[in-house]
Amino acid sequence: MQQGPDIVGLIVETCVCLHNLMRIRYPTLRNAQLDIEGDDHNVIPGEWRKTLNLQDLNVVVRPNRDTTAVKRQRQYLKLYFNSAAGSVPSQDKMIRLSQQAQT
């Protein structure tokens, strides 16, 4: 995206809200894959964490104005939203349509 940090923040926030709305509207859709909160308020990792290579979270390609923590968070969100737990049924179709529109 060729947007400033403020706009990118709004875009990410909007995507997370839409994602959460899909999770609320379709609660049975792959919820077994999700992290859950235990009775002691600790996070119990979901199945999605077992199938992904999360070692990429510690890899920083080159320095720029982003901090390592921001890059790690961005990578974490990417892995989550592309996993079985975080994806929604129509996202692959929408990505393909977006790519076709750009060509």
PDB file of N, CA and C in Angstrom:
ATOM      1  N   MET A   1       0.838  -1.178   0.000  1.00  0.00           N
ATOM      2  CA  MET A   1       0.000   0.000   0.000  1.00  0.00           C
ATOM      3  C   MET A   1       0.880   1.237   0.000  1.00  0.00           C
ATOM      4  N   GLN A   2       0.481   2.176  -0.737  1.00  0.00           N
ATOM      5  CA  GLN A   2       1.220   3.430  -0.771  1.00  0.00           C
ATOM      6  C   GLN A   2       0.431   4.485  -0.005  1.00  0.00           C
ATOM      7  N   GLN A   3       0.320   4.277   1.296  1.00  0.00           N
ATOM      8  CA  GLN A   3      -0.417   5.174   2.177  1.00  0.00           C
ATOM      9  C   GLN A   3       0.478   5.569   3.336  1.00  0.00           C
ATOM     10  N   GLY A   4       0.123   6.653   3.979  1.00  0.00           N
ATOM     11  CA  GLY A   4       0.853   7.076   5.161  1.00  0.00           C
ATOM     12  C   GLY A   4       0.493   6.204   6.351  1.00  0.00           C
ATOM     13  N   PRO A   5       1.304   6.275   7.407  1.00  0.00           N
ATOM     14  CA  PRO A   5       1.066   5.445   8.593  1.00  0.00           C
ATOM     15  C   PRO A   5      -0.322   5.612   9.199  1.00  0.00           C
ATOM     16  N   ASP A   6      -0.855   6.827   9.214  1.00  0.00           N
ATOM     17  CA  ASP A   6      -2.189   7.040   9.799  1.00  0.00           C
ATOM     18  C   ASP A   6      -3.269   6.302   9.021  1.00  0.00           C
ATOM     19  N   ILE A   7      -3.205   6.394   7.692  1.00  0.00           N
ATOM     20  CA  ILE A   7      -4.206   5.726   6.853  1.00  0.00           C
ATOM     21  C   ILE A   7      -4.050   4.215   6.942  1.00  0.00           C
ATOM     22  N   VAL A   8      -2.820   3.725   6.932  1.00  0.00           N
ATOM     23  CA  VAL A   8      -2.591   2.278   7.053  1.00  0.00           C
ATOM     24  C   VAL A   8      -3.139   1.773   8.382  1.00  0.00           C
ATOM     25  N   GLY A   9      -2.942   2.541   9.444  1.00  0.00           N
ATOM     26  CA  GLY A   9      -3.499   2.165  10.750  1.00  0.00           C
ATOM     27  C   GLY A   9      -5.011   2.036  10.697  1.00  0.00           C
ATOM     28  N   LEU A  10      -5.668   2.972  10.026  1.00  0.00           N
ATOM     29  CA  LEU A  10      -7.124   2.907   9.890  1.00  0.00           C
ATOM     30  C   LEU A  10      -7.560   1.703   9.047  1.00  0.00           C
ATOM     31  N   ILE A  11      -6.802   1.425   7.998  1.00  0.00           N
ATOM     32  CA  ILE A  11      -7.130   0.272   7.142  1.00  0.00           C
ATOM     33  C   ILE A  11      -7.012  -1.028   7.931  1.00  0.00           C
ATOM     34  N   VAL A  12      -5.930  -1.178   8.671  1.00  0.00           N
ATOM     35  CA  VAL A  12      -5.742  -2.399   9.473  1.00  0.00           C
ATOM     36  C   VAL A  12      -6.838  -2.514  10.519  1.00  0.00           C
ATOM     37  N   GLU A  13      -7.137  -1.412  11.185  1.00  0.00           N
ATOM     38  CA  GLU A  13      -8.189  -1.418  12.200  1.00  0.00           C
ATOM     39  C   GLU A  13      -9.537  -1.816  11.593  1.00  0.00           C
ATOM     40  N   THR A  14      -9.829  -1.288  10.421  1.00  0.00           N
ATOM     41  CA  THR A  14     -11.075  -1.624   9.737  1.00  0.00           C
ATOM     42  C   THR A  14     -11.116  -3.102   9.368  1.00  0.00           C
ATOM     43  N   CYS A  15     -10.001  -3.625   8.863  1.00  0.00           N
ATOM     44  CA  CYS A  15      -9.947  -5.048   8.506  1.00  0.00           C
ATOM     45  C   CYS A  15     -10.163  -5.936   9.728  1.00  0.00           C
ATOM     46  N   VAL A  16      -9.560  -5.559  10.842  1.00  0.00           N
ATOM     47  CA  VAL A  16      -9.739  -6.344  12.068  1.00  0.00           C
ATOM     48  C   VAL A  16     -11.198  -6.294  12.519  1.00  0.00           C
ATOM     49  N   CYS A  17     -11.828  -5.117  12.430  1.00  0.00           N
ATOM     50  CA  CYS A  17     -13.249  -5.004  12.799  1.00  0.00           C
ATOM     51  C   CYS A  17     -14.129  -5.869  11.896  1.00  0.00           C
ATOM     52  N   LEU A  18     -13.856  -5.826  10.595  1.00  0.00           N
ATOM     53  CA  LEU A  18     -14.630  -6.651   9.670  1.00  0.00           C
ATOM     54  C   LEU A  18     -14.408  -8.136   9.938  1.00  0.00           C
ATOM     55  N   HIS A  19     -13.177  -8.488  10.226  1.00  0.00           N
ATOM     56  CA  HIS A  19     -12.858  -9.874  10.557  1.00  0.00           C
ATOM     57  C   HIS A  19     -13.634 -10.307  11.799  1.00  0.00           C
ATOM     58  N   ASN A  20     -13.624  -9.478  12.823  1.00  0.00           N
ATOM     59  CA  ASN A  20     -14.342  -9.805  14.059  1.00  0.00           C
ATOM     60  C   ASN A  20     -15.843  -9.909  13.816  1.00  0.00           C
ATOM     61  N   LEU A  21     -16.370  -9.059  12.958  1.00  0.00           N
ATOM     62  CA  LEU A  21     -17.792  -9.118  12.617  1.00  0.00           C
ATOM     63  C   LEU A  21     -18.126 -10.467  11.968  1.00  0.00           C
ATOM     64  N   MET A  22     -17.257 -10.926  11.068  1.00  0.00           N
ATOM     65  CA  MET A  22     -17.477 -12.234  10.443  1.00  0.00           C
ATOM     66  C   MET A  22     -17.444 -13.342  11.495  1.00  0.00           C
ATOM     67  N   ARG A  23     -16.546 -13.247  12.455  1.00  0.00           N
ATOM     68  CA  ARG A  23     -16.443 -14.260  13.508  1.00  0.00           C
ATOM     69  C   ARG A  23     -17.711 -14.269  14.366  1.00  0.00           C
ATOM     70  N   ILE A  24     -18.282 -13.086  14.623  1.00  0.00           N
ATOM     71  CA  ILE A  24     -19.508 -13.003  15.428  1.00  0.00           C
ATOM     72  C   ILE A  24     -20.702 -13.516  14.621  1.00  0.00           C
ATOM     73  N   ARG A  25     -20.780 -13.120  13.371  1.00  0.00           N
ATOM     74  CA  ARG A  25     -21.920 -13.485  12.535  1.00  0.00           C
ATOM     75  C   ARG A  25     -21.933 -14.977  12.198  1.00  0.00           C
ATOM     76  N   TYR A  26     -20.757 -15.567  12.050  1.00  0.00           N
ATOM     77  CA  TYR A  26     -20.644 -16.992  11.721  1.00  0.00           C
ATOM     78  C   TYR A  26     -19.797 -17.690  12.786  1.00  0.00           C
ATOM     79  N   PRO A  27     -20.345 -17.864  13.991  1.00  0.00           N
ATOM     80  CA  PRO A  27     -19.542 -18.350  15.117  1.00  0.00           C
ATOM     81  C   PRO A  27     -19.039 -19.782  14.978  1.00  0.00           C
ATOM     82  N   THR A  28     -19.682 -20.603  14.189  1.00  0.00           N
ATOM     83  CA  THR A  28     -19.234 -21.991  14.078  1.00  0.00           C
ATOM     84  C   THR A  28     -18.143 -22.165  13.028  1.00  0.00           C
ATOM     85  N   LEU A  29     -17.819 -21.118  12.332  1.00  0.00           N
ATOM     86  CA  LEU A  29     -16.851 -21.179  11.242  1.00  0.00           C
ATOM     87  C   LEU A  29     -15.430 -21.266  11.785  1.00  0.00           C
ATOM     88  N   ARG A  30     -14.908 -22.470  11.886  1.00  0.00           N
ATOM     89  CA  ARG A  30     -13.526 -22.745  12.261  1.00  0.00           C
ATOM     90  C   ARG A  30     -13.128 -22.224  13.644  1.00  0.00           C
ATOM     91  N   ASN A  31     -14.039 -22.063  14.563  1.00  0.00           N
ATOM     92  CA  ASN A  31     -13.666 -21.553  15.881  1.00  0.00           C
ATOM     93  C   ASN A  31     -12.769 -22.514  16.659  1.00  0.00           C
ATOM     94  N   ALA A  32     -12.759 -23.778  16.312  1.00  0.00           N
ATOM     95  CA  ALA A  32     -11.877 -24.730  16.986  1.00  0.00           C
ATOM     96  C   ALA A  32     -10.413 -24.396  16.724  1.00  0.00           C
ATOM     97  N   GLN A  33     -10.156 -23.673  15.647  1.00  0.00           N
ATOM     98  CA  GLN A  33      -8.795 -23.307  15.293  1.00  0.00           C
ATOM     99  C   GLN A  33      -8.280 -22.119  16.108  1.00  0.00           C
ATOM    100  N   LEU A  34      -9.175 -21.374  16.730  1.00  0.00           N
ATOM    101  CA  LEU A  34      -8.817 -20.107  17.373  1.00  0.00           C
ATOM    102  C   LEU A  34      -8.188 -20.285  18.747  1.00  0.00           C
ATOM    103  N   ASP A  35      -7.442 -19.276  19.181  1.00  0.00           N
ATOM    104  CA  ASP A  35      -6.989 -19.213  20.565  1.00  0.00           C
ATOM    105  C   ASP A  35      -8.209 -18.983  21.448  1.00  0.00           C
ATOM    106  N   ILE A  36      -8.175 -19.531  22.658  1.00  0.00           N
ATOM    107  CA  ILE A  36      -9.258 -19.272  23.599  1.00  0.00           C
ATOM    108  C   ILE A  36      -8.676 -18.839  24.934  1.00  0.00           C
ATOM    109  N   GLU A  37      -9.495 -18.225  25.749  1.00  0.00           N
ATOM    110  CA  GLU A  37      -9.070 -17.794  27.076  1.00  0.00           C
ATOM    111  C   GLU A  37      -9.539 -18.818  28.092  1.00  0.00           C
ATOM    112  N   GLY A  38      -8.606 -19.337  28.888  1.00  0.00           N
ATOM    113  CA  GLY A  38      -8.946 -20.317  29.897  1.00  0.00           C
ATOM    114  C   GLY A  38      -9.600 -19.688  31.114  1.00  0.00           C
ATOM    115  N   ASP A  39     -10.051 -20.512  32.042  1.00  0.00           N
ATOM    116  CA  ASP A  39     -10.685 -20.014  33.261  1.00  0.00           C
ATOM    117  C   ASP A  39      -9.752 -19.132  34.084  1.00  0.00           C
ATOM    118  N   ASP A  40      -8.447 -19.386  33.972  1.00  0.00           N
ATOM    119  CA  ASP A  40      -7.464 -18.596  34.709  1.00  0.00           C
ATOM    120  C   ASP A  40      -7.015 -17.363  33.923  1.00  0.00           C
ATOM    121  N   HIS A  41      -7.720 -17.041  32.818  1.00  0.00           N
ATOM    122  CA  HIS A  41      -7.468 -15.876  31.958  1.00  0.00           C
ATOM    123  C   HIS A  41      -6.155 -15.956  31.195  1.00  0.00           C
ATOM    124  N   ASN A  42      -5.608 -17.142  31.052  1.00  0.00           N
ATOM    125  CA  ASN A  42      -4.434 -17.340  30.215  1.00  0.00           C
ATOM    126  C   ASN A  42      -4.890 -17.797  28.837  1.00  0.00           C
ATOM    127  N   VAL A  43      -4.122 -17.436  27.815  1.00  0.00           N
ATOM    128  CA  VAL A  43      -4.462 -17.815  26.451  1.00  0.00           C
ATOM    129  C   VAL A  43      -4.063 -19.274  26.214  1.00  0.00           C
ATOM    130  N   ILE A  44      -5.028 -20.038  25.679  1.00  0.00           N
ATOM    131  CA  ILE A  44      -4.764 -21.418  25.275  1.00  0.00           C
ATOM    132  C   ILE A  44      -4.595 -21.386  23.761  1.00  0.00           C
ATOM    133  N   PRO A  45      -3.395 -21.675  23.267  1.00  0.00           N
ATOM    134  CA  PRO A  45      -3.133 -21.561  21.825  1.00  0.00           C
ATOM    135  C   PRO A  45      -4.041 -22.461  21.002  1.00  0.00           C
ATOM    136  N   GLY A  46      -4.524 -21.922  19.891  1.00  0.00           N
ATOM    137  CA  GLY A  46      -5.362 -22.683  18.981  1.00  0.00           C
ATOM    138  C   GLY A  46      -4.542 -23.514  18.015  1.00  0.00           C
ATOM    139  N   GLU A  47      -5.234 -24.334  17.250  1.00  0.00           N
ATOM    140  CA  GLU A  47      -4.580 -25.227  16.299  1.00  0.00           C
ATOM    141  C   GLU A  47      -3.815 -24.459  15.217  1.00  0.00           C
ATOM    142  N   TRP A  48      -4.260 -23.253  14.888  1.00  0.00           N
ATOM    143  CA  TRP A  48      -3.613 -22.501  13.811  1.00  0.00           C
ATOM    144  C   TRP A  48      -2.147 -22.237  14.114  1.00  0.00           C
ATOM    145  N   ARG A  49      -1.793 -22.139  15.381  1.00  0.00           N
ATOM    146  CA  ARG A  49      -0.400 -21.872  15.742  1.00  0.00           C
ATOM    147  C   ARG A  49       0.493 -23.079  15.486  1.00  0.00           C
ATOM    148  N   LYS A  50      -0.099 -24.269  15.447  1.00  0.00           N
ATOM    149  CA  LYS A  50       0.686 -25.484  15.256  1.00  0.00           C
ATOM    150  C   LYS A  50       1.028 -25.743  13.792  1.00  0.00           C
ATOM    151  N   THR A  51       0.262 -25.149  12.876  1.00  0.00           N
ATOM    152  CA  THR A  51       0.465 -25.439  11.463  1.00  0.00           C
ATOM    153  C   THR A  51       1.272 -24.373  10.740  1.00  0.00           C
ATOM    154  N   LEU A  52       1.570 -23.275  11.388  1.00  0.00           N
ATOM    155  CA  LEU A  52       2.304 -22.198  10.735  1.00  0.00           C
ATOM    156  C   LEU A  52       3.737 -22.133  11.221  1.00  0.00           C
ATOM    157  N   ASN A  53       4.587 -21.627  10.384  1.00  0.00           N
ATOM    158  CA  ASN A  53       5.966 -21.399  10.770  1.00  0.00           C
ATOM    159  C   ASN A  53       6.066 -19.977  11.319  1.00  0.00           C
ATOM    160  N   LEU A  54       5.927 -19.839  12.619  1.00  0.00           N
ATOM    161  CA  LEU A  54       5.951 -18.517  13.236  1.00  0.00           C
ATOM    162  C   LEU A  54       7.357 -18.012  13.492  1.00  0.00           C
ATOM    163  N   GLN A  55       8.361 -18.756  13.049  1.00  0.00           N
ATOM    164  CA  GLN A  55       9.730 -18.285  13.232  1.00  0.00           C
ATOM    165  C   GLN A  55       9.996 -17.027  12.429  1.00  0.00           C
ATOM    166  N   ASP A  56       9.202 -16.777  11.387  1.00  0.00           N
ATOM    167  CA  ASP A  56       9.364 -15.556  10.597  1.00  0.00           C
ATOM    168  C   ASP A  56       9.153 -14.299  11.429  1.00  0.00           C
ATOM    169  N   LEU A  57       8.498 -14.426  12.564  1.00  0.00           N
ATOM    170  CA  LEU A  57       8.230 -13.256  13.393  1.00  0.00           C
ATOM    171  C   LEU A  57       9.509 -12.604  13.895  1.00  0.00           C
ATOM    172  N   ASN A  58      10.572 -13.344  14.012  1.00  0.00           N
ATOM    173  CA  ASN A  58      11.815 -12.805  14.537  1.00  0.00           C
ATOM    174  C   ASN A  58      12.774 -12.338  13.451  1.00  0.00           C
ATOM    175  N   VAL A  59      12.380 -12.469  12.198  1.00  0.00           N
ATOM    176  CA  VAL A  59      13.250 -12.091  11.083  1.00  0.00           C
ATOM    177  C   VAL A  59      12.922 -10.668  10.642  1.00  0.00           C
ATOM    178  N   VAL A  60      13.911  -9.804  10.659  1.00  0.00           N
ATOM    179  CA  VAL A  60      13.759  -8.443  10.166  1.00  0.00           C
ATOM    180  C   VAL A  60      14.677  -8.320   8.957  1.00  0.00           C
ATOM    181  N   VAL A  61      14.102  -7.976   7.808  1.00  0.00           N
ATOM    182  CA  VAL A  61      14.854  -7.986   6.566  1.00  0.00           C
ATOM    183  C   VAL A  61      15.896  -6.877   6.523  1.00  0.00           C
ATOM    184  N   ARG A  62      15.484  -5.649   6.761  1.00  0.00           N
ATOM    185  CA  ARG A  62      16.424  -4.525   6.728  1.00  0.00           C
ATOM    186  C   ARG A  62      15.882  -3.397   7.588  1.00  0.00           C
ATOM    187  N   PRO A  63      16.724  -2.525   8.064  1.00  0.00           N
ATOM    188  CA  PRO A  63      16.244  -1.435   8.906  1.00  0.00           C
ATOM    189  C   PRO A  63      15.545  -0.357   8.076  1.00  0.00           C
ATOM    190  N   ASN A  64      14.528   0.199   8.645  1.00  0.00           N
ATOM    191  CA  ASN A  64      13.872   1.380   8.086  1.00  0.00           C
ATOM    192  C   ASN A  64      13.173   2.090   9.238  1.00  0.00           C
ATOM    193  N   ARG A  65      12.192   2.882   8.945  1.00  0.00           N
ATOM    194  CA  ARG A  65      11.581   3.668  10.011  1.00  0.00           C
ATOM    195  C   ARG A  65      10.687   2.840  10.945  1.00  0.00           C
ATOM    196  N   ASP A  66      10.334   1.627  10.527  1.00  0.00           N
ATOM    197  CA  ASP A  66       9.522   0.763  11.385  1.00  0.00           C
ATOM    198  C   ASP A  66      10.385   0.140  12.476  1.00  0.00           C
ATOM    199  N   THR A  67       9.796  -0.037  13.623  1.00  0.00           N
ATOM    200  CA  THR A  67      10.507  -0.723  14.694  1.00  0.00           C
ATOM    201  C   THR A  67      10.369  -2.225  14.509  1.00  0.00           C
ATOM    202  N   THR A  68      11.221  -2.970  15.158  1.00  0.00           N
ATOM    203  CA  THR A  68      11.156  -4.426  15.092  1.00  0.00           C
ATOM    204  C   THR A  68       9.821  -4.921  15.624  1.00  0.00           C
ATOM    205  N   ALA A  69       9.302  -4.287  16.682  1.00  0.00           N
ATOM    206  CA  ALA A  69       8.021  -4.708  17.265  1.00  0.00           C
ATOM    207  C   ALA A  69       6.881  -4.531  16.266  1.00  0.00           C
ATOM    208  N   VAL A  70       6.911  -3.452  15.505  1.00  0.00           N
ATOM    209  CA  VAL A  70       5.860  -3.209  14.510  1.00  0.00           C
ATOM    210  C   VAL A  70       5.935  -4.258  13.406  1.00  0.00           C
ATOM    211  N   LYS A  71       7.141  -4.566  12.953  1.00  0.00           N
ATOM    212  CA  LYS A  71       7.303  -5.584  11.922  1.00  0.00           C
ATOM    213  C   LYS A  71       6.831  -6.938  12.421  1.00  0.00           C
ATOM    214  N   ARG A  72       7.128  -7.251  13.657  1.00  0.00           N
ATOM    215  CA  ARG A  72       6.709  -8.524  14.236  1.00  0.00           C
ATOM    216  C   ARG A  72       5.181  -8.589  14.304  1.00  0.00           C
ATOM    217  N   GLN A  73       4.542  -7.489  14.706  1.00  0.00           N
ATOM    218  CA  GLN A  73       3.081  -7.459  14.794  1.00  0.00           C
ATOM    219  C   GLN A  73       2.450  -7.594  13.411  1.00  0.00           C
ATOM    220  N   ARG A  74       3.007  -6.914  12.423  1.00  0.00           N
ATOM    221  CA  ARG A  74       2.505  -6.996  11.053  1.00  0.00           C
ATOM    222  C   ARG A  74       2.606  -8.431  10.536  1.00  0.00           C
ATOM    223  N   GLN A  75       3.728  -9.070  10.782  1.00  0.00           N
ATOM    224  CA  GLN A  75       3.934 -10.451  10.344  1.00  0.00           C
ATOM    225  C   GLN A  75       2.967 -11.394  11.063  1.00  0.00           C
ATOM    226  N   TYR A  76       2.753 -11.172  12.354  1.00  0.00           N
ATOM    227  CA  TYR A  76       1.825 -11.981  13.138  1.00  0.00           C
ATOM    228  C   TYR A  76       0.409 -11.883  12.559  1.00  0.00           C
ATOM    229  N   LEU A  77      -0.027 -10.643  12.268  1.00  0.00           N
ATOM    230  CA  LEU A  77      -1.366 -10.453  11.702  1.00  0.00           C
ATOM    231  C   LEU A  77      -1.486 -11.122  10.338  1.00  0.00           C
ATOM    232  N   LYS A  78      -0.438 -11.009   9.522  1.00  0.00           N
ATOM    233  CA  LYS A  78      -0.456 -11.645   8.203  1.00  0.00           C
ATOM    234  C   LYS A  78      -0.624 -13.154   8.341  1.00  0.00           C
ATOM    235  N   LEU A  79       0.161 -13.754   9.212  1.00  0.00           N
ATOM    236  CA  LEU A  79       0.075 -15.204   9.399  1.00  0.00           C
ATOM    237  C   LEU A  79      -1.293 -15.613   9.934  1.00  0.00           C
ATOM    238  N   TYR A  80      -1.830 -14.837  10.863  1.00  0.00           N
ATOM    239  CA  TYR A  80      -3.127 -15.171  11.439  1.00  0.00           C
ATOM    240  C   TYR A  80      -4.244 -15.087  10.392  1.00  0.00           C
ATOM    241  N   PHE A  81      -4.304 -13.960   9.671  1.00  0.00           N
ATOM    242  CA  PHE A  81      -5.398 -13.775   8.723  1.00  0.00           C
ATOM    243  C   PHE A  81      -5.279 -14.676   7.499  1.00  0.00           C
ATOM    244  N   ASN A  82      -4.132 -15.289   7.291  1.00  0.00           N
ATOM    245  CA  ASN A  82      -3.967 -16.246   6.204  1.00  0.00           C
ATOM    246  C   ASN A  82      -4.029 -17.687   6.680  1.00  0.00           C
ATOM    247  N   SER A  83      -4.305 -17.895   7.961  1.00  0.00           N
ATOM    248  CA  SER A  83      -4.426 -19.245   8.499  1.00  0.00           C
ATOM    249  C   SER A  83      -5.883 -19.699   8.436  1.00  0.00           C
ATOM    250  N   ALA A  84      -6.103 -20.956   8.702  1.00  0.00           N
ATOM    251  CA  ALA A  84      -7.474 -21.478   8.722  1.00  0.00           C
ATOM    252  C   ALA A  84      -8.301 -20.817   9.820  1.00  0.00           C
ATOM    253  N   ALA A  85      -7.664 -20.441  10.914  1.00  0.00           N
ATOM    254  CA  ALA A  85      -8.398 -19.824  12.021  1.00  0.00           C
ATOM    255  C   ALA A  85      -8.798 -18.394  11.708  1.00  0.00           C
ATOM    256  N   GLY A  86      -7.957 -17.663  11.015  1.00  0.00           N
ATOM    257  CA  GLY A  86      -8.209 -16.240  10.816  1.00  0.00           C
ATOM    258  C   GLY A  86      -8.822 -15.869   9.489  1.00  0.00           C
ATOM    259  N   SER A  87      -8.847 -16.778   8.548  1.00  0.00           N
ATOM    260  CA  SER A  87      -9.379 -16.436   7.228  1.00  0.00           C
ATOM    261  C   SER A  87     -10.898 -16.542   7.209  1.00  0.00           C
ATOM    262  N   VAL A  88     -11.486 -15.847   6.259  1.00  0.00           N
ATOM    263  CA  VAL A  88     -12.931 -15.945   6.032  1.00  0.00           C
ATOM    264  C   VAL A  88     -13.132 -16.538   4.636  1.00  0.00           C
ATOM    265  N   PRO A  89     -14.252 -17.196   4.385  1.00  0.00           N
ATOM    266  CA  PRO A  89     -14.432 -17.946   3.143  1.00  0.00           C
ATOM    267  C   PRO A  89     -14.213 -17.134   1.865  1.00  0.00           C
ATOM    268  N   SER A  90     -14.575 -15.873   1.859  1.00  0.00           N
ATOM    269  CA  SER A  90     -14.534 -15.118   0.609  1.00  0.00           C
ATOM    270  C   SER A  90     -13.216 -14.392   0.370  1.00  0.00           C
ATOM    271  N   GLN A  91     -12.255 -14.456   1.294  1.00  0.00           N
ATOM    272  CA  GLN A  91     -11.085 -13.601   1.143  1.00  0.00           C
ATOM    273  C   GLN A  91     -10.228 -13.963  -0.065  1.00  0.00           C
ATOM    274  N   ASP A  92     -10.052 -15.232  -0.377  1.00  0.00           N
ATOM    275  CA  ASP A  92      -9.243 -15.595  -1.540  1.00  0.00           C
ATOM    276  C   ASP A  92      -9.881 -15.098  -2.834  1.00  0.00           C
ATOM    277  N   LYS A  93     -11.199 -15.211  -2.912  1.00  0.00           N
ATOM    278  CA  LYS A  93     -11.909 -14.726  -4.097  1.00  0.00           C
ATOM    279  C   LYS A  93     -11.727 -13.214  -4.233  1.00  0.00           C
ATOM    280  N   MET A  94     -11.830 -12.485  -3.136  1.00  0.00           N
ATOM    281  CA  MET A  94     -11.698 -11.036  -3.182  1.00  0.00           C
ATOM    282  C   MET A  94     -10.278 -10.617  -3.562  1.00  0.00           C
ATOM    283  N   ILE A  95      -9.290 -11.355  -3.105  1.00  0.00           N
ATOM    284  CA  ILE A  95      -7.900 -11.052  -3.460  1.00  0.00           C
ATOM    285  C   ILE A  95      -7.701 -11.248  -4.960  1.00  0.00           C
ATOM    286  N   ARG A  96      -8.222 -12.356  -5.493  1.00  0.00           N
ATOM    287  CA  ARG A  96      -8.095 -12.607  -6.933  1.00  0.00           C
ATOM    288  C   ARG A  96      -8.777 -11.510  -7.742  1.00  0.00           C
ATOM    289  N   LEU A  97      -9.981 -11.095  -7.320  1.00  0.00           N
ATOM    290  CA  LEU A  97     -10.697 -10.038  -8.033  1.00  0.00           C
ATOM    291  C   LEU A  97      -9.923  -8.717  -7.977  1.00  0.00           C
ATOM    292  N   SER A  98      -9.337  -8.438  -6.841  1.00  0.00           N
ATOM    293  CA  SER A  98      -8.543  -7.214  -6.690  1.00  0.00           C
ATOM    294  C   SER A  98      -7.324  -7.242  -7.603  1.00  0.00           C
ATOM    295  N   GLN A  99      -6.670  -8.382  -7.687  1.00  0.00           N
ATOM    296  CA  GLN A  99      -5.491  -8.514  -8.546  1.00  0.00           C
ATOM    297  C   GLN A  99      -5.874  -8.398 -10.021  1.00  0.00           C
ATOM    298  N   GLN A 100      -7.019  -8.947 -10.409  1.00  0.00           N
ATOM    299  CA  GLN A 100      -7.474  -8.841 -11.793  1.00  0.00           C
ATOM    300  C   GLN A 100      -7.807  -7.396 -12.145  1.00  0.00           C
ATOM    301  N   ALA A 101      -8.363  -6.658 -11.194  1.00  0.00           N
ATOM    302  CA  ALA A 101      -8.723  -5.261 -11.442  1.00  0.00           C
ATOM    303  C   ALA A 101      -7.482  -4.388 -11.625  1.00  0.00           C
ATOM    304  N   GLN A 102      -6.373  -4.784 -11.004  1.00  0.00           N
ATOM    305  CA  GLN A 102      -5.147  -3.991 -11.111  1.00  0.00           C
ATOM    306  C   GLN A 102      -4.430  -4.217 -12.434  1.00  0.00           C
ATOM    307  N   THR A 103      -4.741  -5.318 -13.129  1.00  0.00           N
ATOM    308  CA  THR A 103      -4.042  -5.605 -14.389  1.00  0.00           C
ATOM    309  C   THR A 103      -4.791  -5.092 -15.588  1.00  0.00           C
TER     310      THR A 103
END
